[in-house]
Amino acid sequence: MSHNDNNSMQMLSLEQKHTLVHAIAEDSGLNLDYYGFLEILLGMLEDIPGFEIDKPKVKVLNEMWRIYEEMKTQ
């Protein structure tokens, strides 16, 4: 895997992160725990060309989890 492939997820825009999180919420609701959310997110990313990544940065995953958690309060 090249260096650029490893950084694909880190290069997602905030809008793209919100879009992915909203798709998870629409399909699975807002009752997922952290690990359920990550399982779905990582499964989605495996299906997107360019995002077949081995070790996404925890920082980015946690950022997307916070977006999901914020949706619960809206």
Protein backbone atom coordinates (compact mmCIF):
# COMPACT_ATOMS: atom_id res chain seq x y z
CA MET A 1 0.00 0.00 0.00
CA SER A 2 1.38 3.38 -0.90
CA HIS A 3 1.72 6.29 1.48
CA ASN A 4 -1.12 8.10 -0.32
CA ASP A 5 -3.50 5.15 0.13
CA ASN A 6 -2.79 5.18 3.84
CA ASN A 7 -3.79 8.84 4.05
CA SER A 8 -7.04 8.54 2.05
CA MET A 9 -9.30 8.61 5.07
CA GLN A 10 -7.39 11.45 6.68
CA MET A 11 -8.00 13.51 3.52
CA LEU A 12 -11.79 13.26 3.70
CA SER A 13 -13.39 16.68 3.89
CA LEU A 14 -15.62 17.50 6.82
CA GLU A 15 -18.59 17.41 4.44
CA GLN A 16 -17.62 13.90 3.26
CA LYS A 17 -17.30 12.73 6.86
CA HIS A 18 -20.76 14.11 7.63
CA THR A 19 -22.18 12.40 4.53
CA LEU A 20 -20.79 9.01 5.60
CA VAL A 21 -22.02 9.44 9.17
CA HIS A 22 -25.49 10.49 7.98
CA ALA A 23 -25.64 7.41 5.74
CA ILE A 24 -24.87 5.21 8.75
CA ALA A 25 -27.53 6.96 10.82
CA GLU A 26 -30.13 6.58 8.06
CA ASP A 27 -29.40 2.88 7.59
CA SER A 28 -28.77 1.84 11.19
CA GLY A 29 -30.38 4.48 13.37
CA LEU A 30 -28.83 6.41 16.22
CA ASN A 31 -28.59 3.62 18.77
CA LEU A 32 -25.24 2.13 17.77
CA ASP A 33 -22.47 1.87 20.30
CA TYR A 34 -18.93 2.90 19.38
CA TYR A 35 -17.89 -0.53 18.14
CA GLY A 36 -21.07 -1.09 16.16
CA PHE A 37 -20.58 2.29 14.51
CA LEU A 38 -16.94 1.53 13.66
CA GLU A 39 -17.83 -1.86 12.22
CA ILE A 40 -20.35 -0.30 9.85
CA LEU A 41 -18.06 2.62 8.97
CA LEU A 42 -15.10 0.38 8.18
CA GLY A 43 -17.36 -1.91 6.14
CA MET A 44 -18.57 1.07 4.12
CA LEU A 45 -15.03 2.28 3.50
CA GLU A 46 -13.97 -1.15 2.22
CA ASP A 47 -16.58 -0.77 -0.53
CA ILE A 48 -15.36 2.66 -1.68
CA PRO A 49 -12.49 2.60 -4.19
CA GLY A 50 -9.44 4.28 -2.71
CA PHE A 51 -10.47 3.62 0.88
CA GLU A 52 -9.38 0.03 1.22
CA ILE A 53 -7.19 0.94 4.16
CA ASP A 54 -5.56 -1.28 6.74
CA LYS A 55 -5.21 1.00 9.73
CA PRO A 56 -7.29 4.18 9.70
CA LYS A 57 -6.16 6.81 12.17
CA VAL A 58 -8.02 6.59 15.47
CA LYS A 59 -8.26 10.39 15.48
CA VAL A 60 -10.35 10.38 12.28
CA LEU A 61 -12.55 7.51 13.46
CA ASN A 62 -13.18 9.32 16.74
CA GLU A 63 -14.02 12.53 14.87
CA MET A 64 -16.64 10.66 12.87
CA TRP A 65 -17.98 9.05 16.07
CA ARG A 66 -18.38 12.55 17.59
CA ILE A 67 -20.38 13.62 14.52
CA TYR A 68 -22.64 10.59 15.03
CA GLU A 69 -23.02 11.32 18.75
CA GLU A 70 -23.90 14.96 18.01
CA MET A 71 -26.70 13.78 15.72
CA LYS A 72 -28.35 12.14 18.73
CA THR A 73 -28.80 15.51 20.43
CA GLN A 74 -30.34 17.29 17.43
